[in-house]
Amino acid sequence: MSFRFTKSEKLKSRKTIELLFEKGKTVTSFPVKVYFITIKNDETTQAAFSVPKRNFKKAVDRNRIKRKLREAYRLQKHLLNTDNGSKFVLLFLYLSKDKLQYTVIEKAIKDLFKNMKT
């Protein structure tokens, strides 16, 4: 199992992101909300991370939170493996107005992955 977060796993397509907001499902585990759709026979699971500028004015703060989100996802993505060959497209949205510890974010992402399977 590779714990890398490669370039092909990063969600960049505007069309796919718009599709996520239109037809995607959501699961929330404070302080993170995830929008997701399942895509069959795709190469990899893709993910994007977002922190609202409204809550964190400084780019330094937004970037630090995004780094924490990416790291928590990178270490927990093995929990998303599906047996039927379908992959996910994910967008993680940070909800809190406070800068929280990494352990809180990691626990939230674990809970999200558990709730996505059911």
C-alpha atoms as a PDB file:
ATOM      1  CA  MET A   1       0.000   0.000   0.000  1.00  0.00           C
ATOM      2  CA  SER A   2       1.431   3.314  -1.098  1.00  0.00           C
ATOM      3  CA  PHE A   3       0.863   6.285   1.174  1.00  0.00           C
ATOM      4  CA  ARG A   4       1.784   8.814  -1.507  1.00  0.00           C
ATOM      5  CA  PHE A   5      -0.540  11.550  -2.747  1.00  0.00           C
ATOM      6  CA  THR A   6       0.458  11.715  -6.400  1.00  0.00           C
ATOM      7  CA  LYS A   7      -0.388  14.278  -9.053  1.00  0.00           C
ATOM      8  CA  SER A   8      -2.934  11.947 -10.664  1.00  0.00           C
ATOM      9  CA  GLU A   9      -4.848  11.784  -7.358  1.00  0.00           C
ATOM     10  CA  LYS A  10      -5.342  15.564  -7.178  1.00  0.00           C
ATOM     11  CA  LEU A  11      -8.725  16.801  -8.340  1.00  0.00           C
ATOM     12  CA  LYS A  12      -8.311  19.739 -10.723  1.00  0.00           C
ATOM     13  CA  SER A  13     -11.107  19.429 -13.283  1.00  0.00           C
ATOM     14  CA  ARG A  14     -13.692  22.216 -13.041  1.00  0.00           C
ATOM     15  CA  LYS A  15     -16.333  20.032 -14.674  1.00  0.00           C
ATOM     16  CA  THR A  16     -15.841  17.303 -12.088  1.00  0.00           C
ATOM     17  CA  ILE A  17     -15.945  19.817  -9.232  1.00  0.00           C
ATOM     18  CA  GLU A  18     -19.201  21.286 -10.574  1.00  0.00           C
ATOM     19  CA  LEU A  19     -20.598  17.761 -10.865  1.00  0.00           C
ATOM     20  CA  LEU A  20     -19.660  17.159  -7.218  1.00  0.00           C
ATOM     21  CA  PHE A  21     -21.705  20.152  -6.057  1.00  0.00           C
ATOM     22  CA  GLU A  22     -24.668  19.314  -8.313  1.00  0.00           C
ATOM     23  CA  LYS A  23     -25.020  15.545  -7.885  1.00  0.00           C
ATOM     24  CA  GLY A  24     -22.624  14.643  -5.087  1.00  0.00           C
ATOM     25  CA  LYS A  25     -23.532  13.378  -1.644  1.00  0.00           C
ATOM     26  CA  THR A  26     -22.219  14.928   1.551  1.00  0.00           C
ATOM     27  CA  VAL A  27     -21.067  13.586   4.889  1.00  0.00           C
ATOM     28  CA  THR A  28     -20.059  15.801   7.798  1.00  0.00           C
ATOM     29  CA  SER A  29     -17.876  15.098  10.785  1.00  0.00           C
ATOM     30  CA  PHE A  30     -16.945  18.371  12.444  1.00  0.00           C
ATOM     31  CA  PRO A  31     -14.697  20.196  11.457  1.00  0.00           C
ATOM     32  CA  VAL A  32     -14.675  18.595   7.971  1.00  0.00           C
ATOM     33  CA  LYS A  33     -17.386  18.101   5.374  1.00  0.00           C
ATOM     34  CA  VAL A  34     -16.820  15.929   2.315  1.00  0.00           C
ATOM     35  CA  TYR A  35     -18.635  16.029  -1.021  1.00  0.00           C
ATOM     36  CA  PHE A  36     -18.274  12.769  -2.923  1.00  0.00           C
ATOM     37  CA  ILE A  37     -19.447  10.822  -5.941  1.00  0.00           C
ATOM     38  CA  THR A  38     -18.574   7.298  -7.028  1.00  0.00           C
ATOM     39  CA  ILE A  39     -17.116   6.720 -10.467  1.00  0.00           C
ATOM     40  CA  LYS A  40     -16.844   3.233 -11.876  1.00  0.00           C
ATOM     41  CA  ASN A  41     -13.724   2.029 -13.691  1.00  0.00           C
ATOM     42  CA  ASP A  42     -11.746   5.203 -13.102  1.00  0.00           C
ATOM     43  CA  GLU A  43      -7.977   5.015 -12.650  1.00  0.00           C
ATOM     44  CA  THR A  44      -7.609   6.561  -9.183  1.00  0.00           C
ATOM     45  CA  THR A  45      -9.561   8.182  -6.405  1.00  0.00           C
ATOM     46  CA  GLN A  46      -9.189  11.954  -6.695  1.00  0.00           C
ATOM     47  CA  ALA A  47      -9.367  14.502  -3.880  1.00  0.00           C
ATOM     48  CA  ALA A  48      -9.371  18.275  -3.431  1.00  0.00           C
ATOM     49  CA  PHE A  49      -9.193  20.377  -0.273  1.00  0.00           C
ATOM     50  CA  SER A  50     -10.779  23.736   0.486  1.00  0.00           C
ATOM     51  CA  VAL A  51     -10.579  26.209   3.352  1.00  0.00           C
ATOM     52  CA  PRO A  52     -12.853  29.279   3.088  1.00  0.00           C
ATOM     53  CA  LYS A  53     -11.245  32.685   2.861  1.00  0.00           C
ATOM     54  CA  ARG A  54     -14.170  34.078   4.838  1.00  0.00           C
ATOM     55  CA  ASN A  55     -13.015  32.247   7.980  1.00  0.00           C
ATOM     56  CA  PHE A  56      -9.242  32.602   7.530  1.00  0.00           C
ATOM     57  CA  LYS A  57      -8.113  35.849   5.944  1.00  0.00           C
ATOM     58  CA  LYS A  58      -4.411  35.002   5.886  1.00  0.00           C
ATOM     59  CA  ALA A  59      -3.229  32.606   3.180  1.00  0.00           C
ATOM     60  CA  VAL A  60      -0.667  31.206   5.620  1.00  0.00           C
ATOM     61  CA  ASP A  61      -3.469  29.948   7.875  1.00  0.00           C
ATOM     62  CA  ARG A  62      -5.486  28.488   4.985  1.00  0.00           C
ATOM     63  CA  ASN A  63      -2.457  26.705   3.558  1.00  0.00           C
ATOM     64  CA  ARG A  64      -1.499  25.227   6.925  1.00  0.00           C
ATOM     65  CA  ILE A  65      -4.985  23.789   7.413  1.00  0.00           C
ATOM     66  CA  LYS A  66      -4.958  22.381   3.870  1.00  0.00           C
ATOM     67  CA  ARG A  67      -1.613  20.696   4.600  1.00  0.00           C
ATOM     68  CA  LYS A  68      -3.138  19.082   7.690  1.00  0.00           C
ATOM     69  CA  LEU A  69      -6.160  17.914   5.681  1.00  0.00           C
ATOM     70  CA  ARG A  70      -3.973  16.453   2.924  1.00  0.00           C
ATOM     71  CA  GLU A  71      -1.756  14.646   5.405  1.00  0.00           C
ATOM     72  CA  ALA A  72      -4.709  13.140   7.271  1.00  0.00           C
ATOM     73  CA  TYR A  73      -6.250  12.029   3.962  1.00  0.00           C
ATOM     74  CA  ARG A  74      -2.954  10.606   2.699  1.00  0.00           C
ATOM     75  CA  LEU A  75      -2.521   8.414   5.765  1.00  0.00           C
ATOM     76  CA  GLN A  76      -6.175   7.275   5.905  1.00  0.00           C
ATOM     77  CA  LYS A  77      -7.037   6.815   2.205  1.00  0.00           C
ATOM     78  CA  HIS A  78      -6.496   3.050   2.425  1.00  0.00           C
ATOM     79  CA  LEU A  79      -9.800   2.909   4.351  1.00  0.00           C
ATOM     80  CA  LEU A  80     -11.621   3.918   1.126  1.00  0.00           C
ATOM     81  CA  ASN A  81     -10.726   0.810  -0.911  1.00  0.00           C
ATOM     82  CA  THR A  82     -13.740  -0.629  -2.683  1.00  0.00           C
ATOM     83  CA  ASP A  83     -13.958  -4.183  -3.944  1.00  0.00           C
ATOM     84  CA  ASN A  84     -16.157  -3.517  -6.988  1.00  0.00           C
ATOM     85  CA  GLY A  85     -13.567  -1.395  -8.841  1.00  0.00           C
ATOM     86  CA  SER A  86     -15.325   1.935  -8.361  1.00  0.00           C
ATOM     87  CA  LYS A  87     -13.356   4.976  -7.251  1.00  0.00           C
ATOM     88  CA  PHE A  88     -14.330   8.178  -5.472  1.00  0.00           C
ATOM     89  CA  VAL A  89     -14.064  11.848  -6.326  1.00  0.00           C
ATOM     90  CA  LEU A  90     -13.791  13.801  -3.071  1.00  0.00           C
ATOM     91  CA  LEU A  91     -13.784  17.446  -2.017  1.00  0.00           C
ATOM     92  CA  PHE A  92     -12.960  18.171   1.615  1.00  0.00           C
ATOM     93  CA  LEU A  93     -14.292  21.431   3.054  1.00  0.00           C
ATOM     94  CA  TYR A  94     -13.026  22.769   6.379  1.00  0.00           C
ATOM     95  CA  LEU A  95     -15.925  24.108   8.477  1.00  0.00           C
ATOM     96  CA  SER A  96     -14.436  25.378  11.725  1.00  0.00           C
ATOM     97  CA  LYS A  97     -13.555  29.010  12.355  1.00  0.00           C
ATOM     98  CA  ASP A  98     -10.656  27.953  14.590  1.00  0.00           C
ATOM     99  CA  LYS A  99      -7.278  26.440  13.776  1.00  0.00           C
ATOM    100  CA  LEU A 100      -7.580  22.955  15.265  1.00  0.00           C
ATOM    101  CA  GLN A 101      -4.935  20.355  16.086  1.00  0.00           C
ATOM    102  CA  TYR A 102      -3.992  17.697  13.550  1.00  0.00           C
ATOM    103  CA  THR A 103      -5.362  14.895  15.758  1.00  0.00           C
ATOM    104  CA  VAL A 104      -8.870  16.411  15.638  1.00  0.00           C
ATOM    105  CA  ILE A 105      -8.744  16.642  11.843  1.00  0.00           C
ATOM    106  CA  GLU A 106      -7.403  13.095  11.526  1.00  0.00           C
ATOM    107  CA  LYS A 107     -10.200  11.697  13.713  1.00  0.00           C
ATOM    108  CA  ALA A 108     -12.806  13.595  11.673  1.00  0.00           C
ATOM    109  CA  ILE A 109     -11.507  12.150   8.400  1.00  0.00           C
ATOM    110  CA  LYS A 110     -11.541   8.617   9.839  1.00  0.00           C
ATOM    111  CA  ASP A 111     -15.167   9.140  10.878  1.00  0.00           C
ATOM    112  CA  LEU A 112     -16.031  10.480   7.412  1.00  0.00           C
ATOM    113  CA  PHE A 113     -14.606   7.402   5.716  1.00  0.00           C
ATOM    114  CA  LYS A 114     -16.567   5.110   8.038  1.00  0.00           C
ATOM    115  CA  ASN A 115     -19.796   6.999   7.310  1.00  0.00           C
ATOM    116  CA  MET A 116     -19.192   6.993   3.547  1.00  0.00           C
ATOM    117  CA  LYS A 117     -19.118   3.194   3.424  1.00  0.00           C
ATOM    118  CA  THR A 118     -22.532   2.791   5.054  1.00  0.00           C
END
